[in-house]
Amino acid sequence: MSLFDKAKAKAEELLGHAEELYGQTHGDAAATLDGEARRLEGEAEEEQAEGTTRRDDDGLAGAR
């Protein structure tokens, strides 16, 4: 994944976190849930981006 995709995922995560906090402080359950979903989606996209660009696993974890 490109640097732009990583930045987009991080922005989505931060926007979701802000929306989640807004919902919690204002008693808006819909905003809280939407923000949590958006935050988790951003985290998943970010993890996916990190997983495709970085190879720490040599495939021999079980063989050692």
Protein backbone atom coordinates (compact mmCIF):
# COMPACT_ATOMS: atom_id res chain seq x y z
CA MET A 1 0.00 0.00 0.00
CA SER A 2 1.17 3.48 -0.76
CA LEU A 3 2.02 6.23 1.66
CA PHE A 4 -1.21 7.97 0.66
CA ASP A 5 -3.24 4.91 1.65
CA LYS A 6 -1.52 4.77 5.03
CA ALA A 7 -2.21 8.45 5.64
CA LYS A 8 -5.82 8.01 4.58
CA ALA A 9 -6.24 5.09 7.00
CA LYS A 10 -4.71 7.11 9.85
CA ALA A 11 -6.98 10.08 9.09
CA GLU A 12 -10.01 7.79 9.09
CA GLU A 13 -8.94 6.36 12.45
CA LEU A 14 -8.49 9.82 13.99
CA LEU A 15 -11.79 11.09 12.58
CA GLY A 16 -13.54 8.05 14.01
CA HIS A 17 -11.95 8.60 17.40
CA ALA A 18 -13.07 12.24 17.41
CA GLU A 19 -16.61 11.27 16.42
CA GLU A 20 -16.67 8.57 19.08
CA LEU A 21 -15.60 11.07 21.77
CA TYR A 22 -18.20 13.57 20.57
CA GLY A 23 -20.90 10.93 20.88
CA GLN A 24 -19.77 9.96 24.37
CA THR A 25 -19.63 13.52 25.67
CA HIS A 26 -22.94 14.57 24.12
CA GLY A 27 -24.86 11.39 24.87
CA ASP A 28 -25.31 10.57 21.18
CA ALA A 29 -25.25 6.77 20.88
CA ALA A 30 -25.43 6.83 17.07
CA ALA A 31 -22.36 9.08 16.81
CA THR A 32 -20.52 6.90 19.33
CA LEU A 33 -21.19 3.74 17.35
CA ASP A 34 -20.44 5.35 14.01
CA GLY A 35 -17.21 6.78 15.36
CA GLU A 36 -16.16 3.45 16.82
CA ALA A 37 -16.86 1.68 13.53
CA ARG A 38 -14.92 4.30 11.59
CA ARG A 39 -11.99 4.11 14.05
CA LEU A 40 -11.83 0.32 13.84
CA GLU A 41 -12.01 0.43 10.06
CA GLY A 42 -9.10 2.86 9.98
CA GLU A 43 -7.08 0.68 12.35
CA ALA A 44 -7.73 -2.39 10.19
CA GLU A 45 -6.72 -0.56 7.03
CA GLU A 46 -3.57 0.69 8.73
CA GLU A 47 -2.65 -2.81 9.92
CA GLN A 48 -3.25 -4.15 6.43
CA ALA A 49 -1.01 -1.45 4.97
CA GLU A 50 1.76 -2.27 7.44
CA GLY A 51 1.41 -5.99 6.79
CA THR A 52 1.83 -5.69 3.05
CA THR A 53 4.91 -3.45 3.15
CA ARG A 54 6.84 -5.02 6.00
CA ARG A 55 7.92 -8.68 6.13
CA ASP A 56 9.17 -9.57 9.60
CA ASP A 57 7.94 -13.14 9.37
CA ASP A 58 10.43 -15.48 7.75
CA GLY A 59 7.95 -18.33 7.78
CA LEU A 60 10.03 -20.42 10.19
CA ALA A 61 8.31 -19.51 13.45
CA GLY A 62 6.99 -23.01 14.03
CA ALA A 63 10.23 -24.72 12.96
CA ARG A 64 12.48 -23.25 15.63
